[in-house]
C-alpha atoms as a PDB file:
ATOM      1  CA  MET A   1       5.898  11.946 -19.041  1.00  0.00           C
ATOM      2  CA  VAL A   2       3.067  12.286 -16.351  1.00  0.00           C
ATOM      3  CA  ASP A   3       5.094  12.222 -13.171  1.00  0.00           C
ATOM      4  CA  ARG A   4       8.769  11.638 -11.810  1.00  0.00           C
ATOM      5  CA  TYR A   5       8.639   9.027  -8.442  1.00  0.00           C
ATOM      6  CA  CYS A   6      11.412   7.754  -6.153  1.00  0.00           C
ATOM      7  CA  GLU A   7      11.738   5.997  -3.742  1.00  0.00           C
ATOM      8  CA  ARG A   8      15.068   5.554  -1.165  1.00  0.00           C
ATOM      9  CA  LEU A   9      14.967   2.772   1.534  1.00  0.00           C
ATOM     10  CA  ALA A  10      14.251   3.406   5.464  1.00  0.00           C
ATOM     11  CA  PRO A  11      16.847   4.091   8.085  1.00  0.00           C
ATOM     12  CA  PRO A  12      18.303   0.516   9.252  1.00  0.00           C
ATOM     13  CA  GLY A  13      16.728   0.626  12.812  1.00  0.00           C
ATOM     14  CA  LEU A  14      13.008   1.123  11.127  1.00  0.00           C
ATOM     15  CA  ALA A  15      13.043  -1.408   8.655  1.00  0.00           C
ATOM     16  CA  GLY A  16      11.097  -3.660  10.051  1.00  0.00           C
ATOM     17  CA  VAL A  17       8.433  -1.300  10.386  1.00  0.00           C
ATOM     18  CA  VAL A  18       9.583   0.961   7.095  1.00  0.00           C
ATOM     19  CA  GLY A  19       9.171  -0.272   3.656  1.00  0.00           C
ATOM     20  CA  CYS A  20      10.216   2.643   2.151  1.00  0.00           C
ATOM     21  CA  LEU A  21       9.881   6.338   1.657  1.00  0.00           C
ATOM     22  CA  TRP A  22       9.074   7.457  -1.809  1.00  0.00           C
ATOM     23  CA  ARG A  23       8.861  11.122  -3.374  1.00  0.00           C
ATOM     24  CA  SER A  24       6.239  11.685  -6.306  1.00  0.00           C
ATOM     25  CA  GLU A  25       6.035  15.082  -8.683  1.00  0.00           C
ATOM     26  CA  THR A  26       2.560  15.407 -11.143  1.00  0.00           C
ATOM     27  CA  ILE A  27       3.707  16.870 -14.596  1.00  0.00           C
ATOM     28  CA  VAL A  28       0.490  16.922 -15.961  1.00  0.00           C
ATOM     29  CA  GLY A  29      -2.706  17.169 -13.849  1.00  0.00           C
ATOM     30  CA  ARG A  30      -5.462  13.993 -14.135  1.00  0.00           C
ATOM     31  CA  GLU A  31      -7.774  11.882 -12.586  1.00  0.00           C
ATOM     32  CA  GLN A  32      -5.065   9.430 -11.000  1.00  0.00           C
ATOM     33  CA  ARG A  33      -5.992   5.508  -9.619  1.00  0.00           C
ATOM     34  CA  VAL A  34      -4.314   4.411  -6.121  1.00  0.00           C
ATOM     35  CA  LEU A  35      -4.131   0.469  -5.981  1.00  0.00           C
ATOM     36  CA  PRO A  36      -4.920  -1.343  -2.959  1.00  0.00           C
ATOM     37  CA  ASP A  37      -1.884  -3.493  -1.947  1.00  0.00           C
ATOM     38  CA  GLY A  38      -2.374  -3.952   1.521  1.00  0.00           C
ATOM     39  CA  CYS A  39      -0.463  -0.940   3.180  1.00  0.00           C
ATOM     40  CA  MET A  40      -0.779   2.527   4.571  1.00  0.00           C
ATOM     41  CA  ASP A  41       1.095   5.263   4.044  1.00  0.00           C
ATOM     42  CA  LEU A  42       1.740   9.128   5.939  1.00  0.00           C
ATOM     43  CA  ILE A  43       1.470  11.197   3.379  1.00  0.00           C
ATOM     44  CA  TRP A  44       2.844  14.798   3.111  1.00  0.00           C
ATOM     45  CA  MET A  45       0.809  17.026   0.844  1.00  0.00           C
ATOM     46  CA  ASP A  46      -0.868  20.085   0.027  1.00  0.00           C
ATOM     47  CA  GLY A  47       0.545  21.817   3.063  1.00  0.00           C
ATOM     48  CA  ALA A  48      -0.518  19.064   5.825  1.00  0.00           C
ATOM     49  CA  VAL A  49       0.423  15.184   7.218  1.00  0.00           C
ATOM     50  CA  HIS A  50      -2.382  12.955   5.996  1.00  0.00           C
ATOM     51  CA  VAL A  51      -2.849   9.045   6.744  1.00  0.00           C
ATOM     52  CA  ALA A  52      -3.536   7.109   3.077  1.00  0.00           C
ATOM     53  CA  GLY A  53      -5.403   3.878   4.868  1.00  0.00           C
ATOM     54  CA  PRO A  54      -6.055   1.116   3.333  1.00  0.00           C
ATOM     55  CA  ASP A  55      -7.574   0.041   0.287  1.00  0.00           C
ATOM     56  CA  SER A  56      -9.763  -2.896  -0.824  1.00  0.00           C
ATOM     57  CA  ARG A  57     -10.417  -1.117  -4.178  1.00  0.00           C
ATOM     58  CA  ALA A  58      -9.360   1.834  -6.224  1.00  0.00           C
ATOM     59  CA  PHE A  59      -8.983   5.198  -4.821  1.00  0.00           C
ATOM     60  CA  LEU A  60      -9.955   8.036  -7.629  1.00  0.00           C
ATOM     61  CA  THR A  61      -7.963  11.368  -7.109  1.00  0.00           C
ATOM     62  CA  VAL A  62      -7.075  14.087  -8.679  1.00  0.00           C
ATOM     63  CA  GLN A  63      -3.609  15.698  -8.317  1.00  0.00           C
ATOM     64  CA  PRO A  64      -3.091  19.575  -9.986  1.00  0.00           C
ATOM     65  CA  PRO A  65      -0.087  19.443 -12.995  1.00  0.00           C
ATOM     66  CA  GLY A  66       3.070  20.690 -10.391  1.00  0.00           C
ATOM     67  CA  GLN A  67       2.264  18.913  -6.854  1.00  0.00           C
ATOM     68  CA  VAL A  68       4.728  17.443  -5.153  1.00  0.00           C
ATOM     69  CA  VAL A  69       3.942  14.149  -2.819  1.00  0.00           C
ATOM     70  CA  THR A  70       6.553  12.852   0.611  1.00  0.00           C
ATOM     71  CA  GLY A  71       5.761   9.724   1.657  1.00  0.00           C
ATOM     72  CA  LEU A  72       6.449   7.154   3.903  1.00  0.00           C
ATOM     73  CA  ARG A  73       4.894   3.372   2.877  1.00  0.00           C
ATOM     74  CA  PHE A  74       4.557   1.115   6.084  1.00  0.00           C
ATOM     75  CA  ARG A  75       4.995  -2.909   5.989  1.00  0.00           C
ATOM     76  CA  PRO A  76       2.140  -4.202   6.056  1.00  0.00           C
ATOM     77  CA  GLY A  77       0.822  -4.435   8.891  1.00  0.00           C
ATOM     78  CA  ALA A  78       3.472  -2.223  11.020  1.00  0.00           C
ATOM     79  CA  ALA A  79       1.225   0.860  10.604  1.00  0.00           C
ATOM     80  CA  PRO A  80      -1.419  -0.340  13.584  1.00  0.00           C
ATOM     81  CA  GLY A  81       1.071  -0.304  15.695  1.00  0.00           C
ATOM     82  CA  VAL A  82       2.573   3.627  15.127  1.00  0.00           C
ATOM     83  CA  PHE A  83      -1.222   4.784  14.992  1.00  0.00           C
ATOM     84  CA  GLY A  84      -2.399   2.818  17.948  1.00  0.00           C
ATOM     85  CA  LEU A  85      -5.560   1.832  16.304  1.00  0.00           C
ATOM     86  CA  PRO A  86      -6.913  -1.578  14.469  1.00  0.00           C
ATOM     87  CA  ALA A  87      -5.946  -0.891  10.779  1.00  0.00           C
ATOM     88  CA  CYS A  88      -9.714  -1.873   9.653  1.00  0.00           C
ATOM     89  CA  VAL A  89     -10.664   1.762  11.007  1.00  0.00           C
ATOM     90  CA  LEU A  90      -9.392   3.246   8.518  1.00  0.00           C
ATOM     91  CA  ARG A  91      -9.969   1.127   5.619  1.00  0.00           C
ATOM     92  CA  ASP A  92     -10.550   3.474   2.874  1.00  0.00           C
ATOM     93  CA  GLN A  93      -9.698   6.579   3.575  1.00  0.00           C
ATOM     94  CA  ARG A  94      -7.203   9.381   3.505  1.00  0.00           C
ATOM     95  CA  VAL A  95      -8.018  11.457   7.032  1.00  0.00           C
ATOM     96  CA  ARG A  96      -5.257  14.226   8.183  1.00  0.00           C
ATOM     97  CA  LEU A  97      -2.603  13.323  10.989  1.00  0.00           C
ATOM     98  CA  GLU A  98      -4.257  15.986  13.895  1.00  0.00           C
ATOM     99  CA  ASP A  99      -7.294  14.202  13.501  1.00  0.00           C
ATOM    100  CA  LEU A 100      -5.222  10.439  14.782  1.00  0.00           C
ATOM    101  CA  TRP A 101      -3.023  12.262  17.418  1.00  0.00           C
ATOM    102  CA  PRO A 102      -4.462  16.163  18.701  1.00  0.00           C
ATOM    103  CA  GLY A 103      -2.223  18.526  19.281  1.00  0.00           C
ATOM    104  CA  THR A 104       0.606  16.518  17.448  1.00  0.00           C
ATOM    105  CA  THR A 105       3.222  19.725  15.731  1.00  0.00           C
ATOM    106  CA  VAL A 106       4.129  16.457  13.560  1.00  0.00           C
ATOM    107  CA  THR A 107       2.733  19.029  10.291  1.00  0.00           C
ATOM    108  CA  GLN A 108       4.607  22.550  11.508  1.00  0.00           C
ATOM    109  CA  GLN A 109       7.837  19.714  11.994  1.00  0.00           C
ATOM    110  CA  VAL A 110       7.586  18.588   8.366  1.00  0.00           C
ATOM    111  CA  ALA A 111       6.507  22.100   6.735  1.00  0.00           C
ATOM    112  CA  GLU A 112       9.735  23.412   8.485  1.00  0.00           C
ATOM    113  CA  ALA A 113      12.124  20.575   7.669  1.00  0.00           C
ATOM    114  CA  PRO A 114      14.786  21.003   4.447  1.00  0.00           C
ATOM    115  CA  ASP A 115      13.692  17.119   3.902  1.00  0.00           C
ATOM    116  CA  PRO A 116       9.426  15.998   4.604  1.00  0.00           C
ATOM    117  CA  ALA A 117      10.665  12.671   4.432  1.00  0.00           C
ATOM    118  CA  ILE A 118      13.481  12.681   7.085  1.00  0.00           C
ATOM    119  CA  ALA A 119      10.497  14.415   9.303  1.00  0.00           C
ATOM    120  CA  LEU A 120       8.173  12.104   8.506  1.00  0.00           C
ATOM    121  CA  ILE A 121      10.723   9.358   9.521  1.00  0.00           C
ATOM    122  CA  ALA A 122      11.262  11.418  13.088  1.00  0.00           C
ATOM    123  CA  ALA A 123       7.621  11.414  13.720  1.00  0.00           C
ATOM    124  CA  VAL A 124       6.988   7.351  13.132  1.00  0.00           C
ATOM    125  CA  ALA A 125      10.604   6.434  14.981  1.00  0.00           C
ATOM    126  CA  PRO A 126       9.279   7.330  18.812  1.00  0.00           C
ATOM    127  CA  ARG A 127       6.482   5.043  18.100  1.00  0.00           C
ATOM    128  CA  ALA A 128       7.677   1.849  16.095  1.00  0.00           C
ATOM    129  CA  ILE A 129       6.571  -1.206  16.637  1.00  0.00           C
ATOM    130  CA  GLU A 130       7.853  -4.258  15.062  1.00  0.00           C
ATOM    131  CA  PRO A 131       4.500  -6.330  13.416  1.00  0.00           C
ATOM    132  CA  ASP A 132       3.912  -9.643  15.159  1.00  0.00           C
ATOM    133  CA  ARG A 133       5.829 -11.824  12.934  1.00  0.00           C
ATOM    134  CA  ALA A 134       2.945 -14.306  12.709  1.00  0.00           C
ATOM    135  CA  LEU A 135       1.462 -11.663  10.626  1.00  0.00           C
ATOM    136  CA  GLY A 136       4.181 -12.349   8.170  1.00  0.00           C
ATOM    137  CA  ALA A 137       3.468 -15.905   7.729  1.00  0.00           C
ATOM    138  CA  VAL A 138       0.185 -14.777   7.034  1.00  0.00           C
ATOM    139  CA  LEU A 139       0.899 -13.191   4.085  1.00  0.00           C
ATOM    140  CA  ALA A 140       3.545 -15.400   3.073  1.00  0.00           C
ATOM    141  CA  ARG A 141       0.564 -18.160   3.524  1.00  0.00           C
ATOM    142  CA  LEU A 142      -2.090 -15.949   1.171  1.00  0.00           C
ATOM    143  CA  ARG A 143       0.195 -14.544  -0.689  1.00  0.00           C
ATOM    144  CA  THR A 144       0.384 -18.272  -2.224  1.00  0.00           C
ATOM    145  CA  GLY A 145      -2.732 -19.091  -2.542  1.00  0.00           C
ATOM    146  CA  SER A 146      -3.071 -20.650   1.033  1.00  0.00           C
ATOM    147  CA  SER A 147      -7.084 -20.968   2.020  1.00  0.00           C
ATOM    148  CA  VAL A 148      -8.022 -19.416   5.067  1.00  0.00           C
ATOM    149  CA  ALA A 149      -8.828 -22.869   7.145  1.00  0.00           C
ATOM    150  CA  ALA A 150      -5.482 -23.663   6.143  1.00  0.00           C
ATOM    151  CA  THR A 151      -3.749 -20.546   6.788  1.00  0.00           C
ATOM    152  CA  ALA A 152      -5.225 -20.573  10.492  1.00  0.00           C
ATOM    153  CA  ASP A 153      -4.405 -24.185  11.277  1.00  0.00           C
ATOM    154  CA  ALA A 154      -1.165 -23.607   9.749  1.00  0.00           C
ATOM    155  CA  LEU A 155      -0.714 -20.859  12.785  1.00  0.00           C
ATOM    156  CA  GLY A 156      -2.735 -22.865  15.222  1.00  0.00           C
ATOM    157  CA  TRP A 157      -5.390 -20.262  15.116  1.00  0.00           C
ATOM    158  CA  THR A 158      -9.013 -20.282  14.879  1.00  0.00           C
ATOM    159  CA  GLU A 159     -10.750 -18.662  11.415  1.00  0.00           C
ATOM    160  CA  ARG A 160     -12.197 -16.172  13.992  1.00  0.00           C
ATOM    161  CA  THR A 161      -8.907 -15.535  15.553  1.00  0.00           C
ATOM    162  CA  LEU A 162      -7.262 -14.708  11.718  1.00  0.00           C
ATOM    163  CA  HIS A 163     -10.160 -12.892  10.496  1.00  0.00           C
ATOM    164  CA  ARG A 164      -9.813 -10.364  13.654  1.00  0.00           C
ATOM    165  CA  ARG A 165      -6.156 -10.661  13.468  1.00  0.00           C
ATOM    166  CA  CYS A 166      -5.887  -9.668   9.931  1.00  0.00           C
ATOM    167  CA  ARG A 167      -9.134  -6.657   9.963  1.00  0.00           C
ATOM    168  CA  ASP A 168      -6.793  -5.134  13.127  1.00  0.00           C
ATOM    169  CA  ALA A 169      -3.008  -5.201  10.868  1.00  0.00           C
ATOM    170  CA  PHE A 170      -4.197  -5.173   7.447  1.00  0.00           C
ATOM    171  CA  GLY A 171      -7.502  -4.142   8.031  1.00  0.00           C
ATOM    172  CA  TYR A 172      -9.704  -6.572   6.030  1.00  0.00           C
ATOM    173  CA  GLY A 173     -10.357  -9.844   6.501  1.00  0.00           C
ATOM    174  CA  PRO A 174      -8.239 -12.936   5.364  1.00  0.00           C
ATOM    175  CA  SER A 175     -10.127 -13.843   2.000  1.00  0.00           C
ATOM    176  CA  VAL A 176      -9.744  -9.720   0.631  1.00  0.00           C
ATOM    177  CA  LEU A 177      -6.292  -9.761   1.599  1.00  0.00           C
ATOM    178  CA  ARG A 178      -5.800 -12.848  -0.393  1.00  0.00           C
ATOM    179  CA  ARG A 179      -7.346 -11.124  -3.800  1.00  0.00           C
ATOM    180  CA  ILE A 180      -5.301  -8.016  -2.806  1.00  0.00           C
ATOM    181  CA  LEU A 181      -2.079  -9.543  -2.407  1.00  0.00           C
ATOM    182  CA  ARG A 182      -2.537 -11.974  -5.173  1.00  0.00           C
ATOM    183  CA  PHE A 183      -3.970  -9.255  -7.451  1.00  0.00           C
ATOM    184  CA  GLN A 184      -0.466  -7.523  -6.499  1.00  0.00           C
ATOM    185  CA  VAL A 185       1.778 -10.263  -7.584  1.00  0.00           C
ATOM    186  CA  ALA A 186      -0.425 -10.583 -11.560  1.00  0.00           C
ATOM    187  CA  LEU A 187       0.494  -6.645 -11.687  1.00  0.00           C
ATOM    188  CA  ARG A 188       4.078  -7.819 -10.972  1.00  0.00           C
ATOM    189  CA  LEU A 189       4.113 -10.407 -13.014  1.00  0.00           C
ATOM    190  CA  ALA A 190       2.778  -8.933 -16.221  1.00  0.00           C
ATOM    191  CA  GLY A 191       5.002  -5.384 -15.615  1.00  0.00           C
ATOM    192  CA  GLN A 192       7.736  -7.735 -16.612  1.00  0.00           C
ATOM    193  CA  GLY A 193       5.950  -8.653 -19.751  1.00  0.00           C
ATOM    194  CA  VAL A 194       4.881 -12.370 -18.793  1.00  0.00           C
ATOM    195  CA  PRO A 195       2.118 -12.723 -20.773  1.00  0.00           C
ATOM    196  CA  PHE A 196      -1.383 -12.659 -19.286  1.00  0.00           C
ATOM    197  CA  ALA A 197      -2.518 -16.640 -19.493  1.00  0.00           C
ATOM    198  CA  THR A 198       0.593 -17.159 -17.686  1.00  0.00           C
ATOM    199  CA  THR A 199       0.376 -14.460 -15.547  1.00  0.00           C
ATOM    200  CA  ALA A 200      -2.957 -15.681 -14.599  1.00  0.00           C
ATOM    201  CA  THR A 201      -1.333 -19.068 -14.147  1.00  0.00           C
ATOM    202  CA  ARG A 202       1.489 -18.180 -11.855  1.00  0.00           C
ATOM    203  CA  ALA A 203      -1.174 -15.803  -9.352  1.00  0.00           C
ATOM    204  CA  GLY A 204      -2.908 -18.641  -8.638  1.00  0.00           C
ATOM    205  CA  TYR A 205      -6.459 -17.657 -10.965  1.00  0.00           C
ATOM    206  CA  ALA A 206      -8.000 -20.315 -12.703  1.00  0.00           C
ATOM    207  CA  ASP A 207      -7.627 -19.047 -15.631  1.00  0.00           C
ATOM    208  CA  GLN A 208      -7.323 -15.660 -18.047  1.00  0.00           C
ATOM    209  CA  ALA A 209     -10.843 -14.735 -17.449  1.00  0.00           C
ATOM    210  CA  HIS A 210     -10.485 -14.623 -14.164  1.00  0.00           C
ATOM    211  CA  LEU A 211      -8.072 -12.720 -13.794  1.00  0.00           C
ATOM    212  CA  ALA A 212      -9.758 -10.083 -15.728  1.00  0.00           C
ATOM    213  CA  ARG A 213     -12.221 -10.461 -13.790  1.00  0.00           C
ATOM    214  CA  GLU A 214     -11.252  -9.867 -10.441  1.00  0.00           C
ATOM    215  CA  VAL A 215      -8.977  -6.617 -12.154  1.00  0.00           C
ATOM    216  CA  ARG A 216     -11.649  -5.234 -12.726  1.00  0.00           C
ATOM    217  CA  ALA A 217     -13.114  -5.726  -9.803  1.00  0.00           C
ATOM    218  CA  LEU A 218      -9.914  -4.675  -7.615  1.00  0.00           C
ATOM    219  CA  PRO A 219      -8.677  -2.001  -8.931  1.00  0.00           C
ATOM    220  CA  GLY A 220     -11.808  -1.257 -11.911  1.00  0.00           C
ATOM    221  CA  ALA A 221      -8.825  -1.313 -15.214  1.00  0.00           C
ATOM    222  CA  SER A 222      -7.782  -3.372 -17.588  1.00  0.00           C
ATOM    223  CA  LEU A 223      -4.716  -5.205 -16.759  1.00  0.00           C
ATOM    224  CA  SER A 224      -3.294  -3.549 -19.956  1.00  0.00           C
ATOM    225  CA  GLN A 225      -4.737   0.072 -18.967  1.00  0.00           C
ATOM    226  CA  LEU A 226      -2.750  -0.626 -15.402  1.00  0.00           C
ATOM    227  CA  ILE A 227       0.814  -1.426 -16.693  1.00  0.00           C
ATOM    228  CA  ARG A 228       1.230   1.257 -19.211  1.00  0.00           C
ATOM    229  CA  ALA A 229       0.320   3.611 -16.168  1.00  0.00           C
ATOM    230  CA  GLN A 230       2.566   1.247 -14.511  1.00  0.00           C
ATOM    231  CA  LEU A 231       5.700   2.827 -16.292  1.00  0.00           C
ATOM    232  CA  PRO A 232       6.039   6.313 -16.027  1.00  0.00           C
ATOM    233  CA  SER A 233       9.418   7.807 -17.318  1.00  0.00           C
ATOM    234  CA  GLY A 234      11.512   8.417 -15.133  1.00  0.00           C
ATOM    235  CA  ALA A 235      10.528   5.795 -12.540  1.00  0.00           C
ATOM    236  CA  ASN A 236      12.978   4.528 -10.722  1.00  0.00           C
ATOM    237  CA  ARG A 237      11.598   1.823  -7.975  1.00  0.00           C
ATOM    238  CA  SER A 238      11.685  -1.898  -6.500  1.00  0.00           C
ATOM    239  CA  THR A 239       8.460  -2.306  -5.508  1.00  0.00           C
ATOM    240  CA  PRO A 240       5.222  -1.616  -6.442  1.00  0.00           C
ATOM    241  CA  ARG A 241       4.221   2.273  -5.746  1.00  0.00           C
ATOM    242  CA  PRO A 242       2.340   2.382  -2.055  1.00  0.00           C
ATOM    243  CA  SER A 243      -1.124   3.120  -0.955  1.00  0.00           C
ATOM    244  CA  GLY A 244      -1.338   7.470  -2.040  1.00  0.00           C
ATOM    245  CA  SER A 245       1.314   7.449  -4.579  1.00  0.00           C
ATOM    246  CA  CYS A 246       0.597   4.717  -7.283  1.00  0.00           C
ATOM    247  CA  SER A 247      -1.678   5.465 -10.606  1.00  0.00           C
ATOM    248  CA  THR A 248      -3.237   5.118 -13.253  1.00  0.00           C
ATOM    249  CA  ALA A 249      -4.337   6.656 -16.035  1.00  0.00           C
END
């Protein structure tokens, strides 16, 4: 067994901002690959609270055996309202919370809490603002393969406005966001045992070769490698693992 991973739902009052709370325990130390998913996380690890920005590519890290990580996964587009800055500022970064909130006592509160996840929720709750519903429409359209022009037109925005809104909320423009959402759909389908050729068609790729190229470009590993790594013994989750917790061999 490589690690133990579990999730629990966010409190009802924060369900529009927080996707889930999660905990990961590394059993065998190794290099791990965090997959891009369009989300941001607040993470308690190694005695500090970190903010995981939205990844545009695989984020490689090494976790030693016995390391326990607790996290809070924001819903797409929700984290910027909590942190008070555009998501693109944190793209492909991991920063300490103190760098964003100077003078904060959150780290001390989490360290002293019997349940770090509850302390993370307490830190987020006073700043939680549900994201604009229009952002949900953007995600829905891009996830089904809508073009940038068609998505902007459906929302009554210019393409420049759509690009700006996506960078602020999700960390990257609509074209990159669409690639990441499509990759996540493909990963979910393949993980359910759907043949790769069928996965490519259903996820919106031109063919299986296109899928293979995109998978190599985003997470930097083959789809087969990713699927094997997404099935650790003892896992219990209903969604793809969040930024900062999702690992592959």
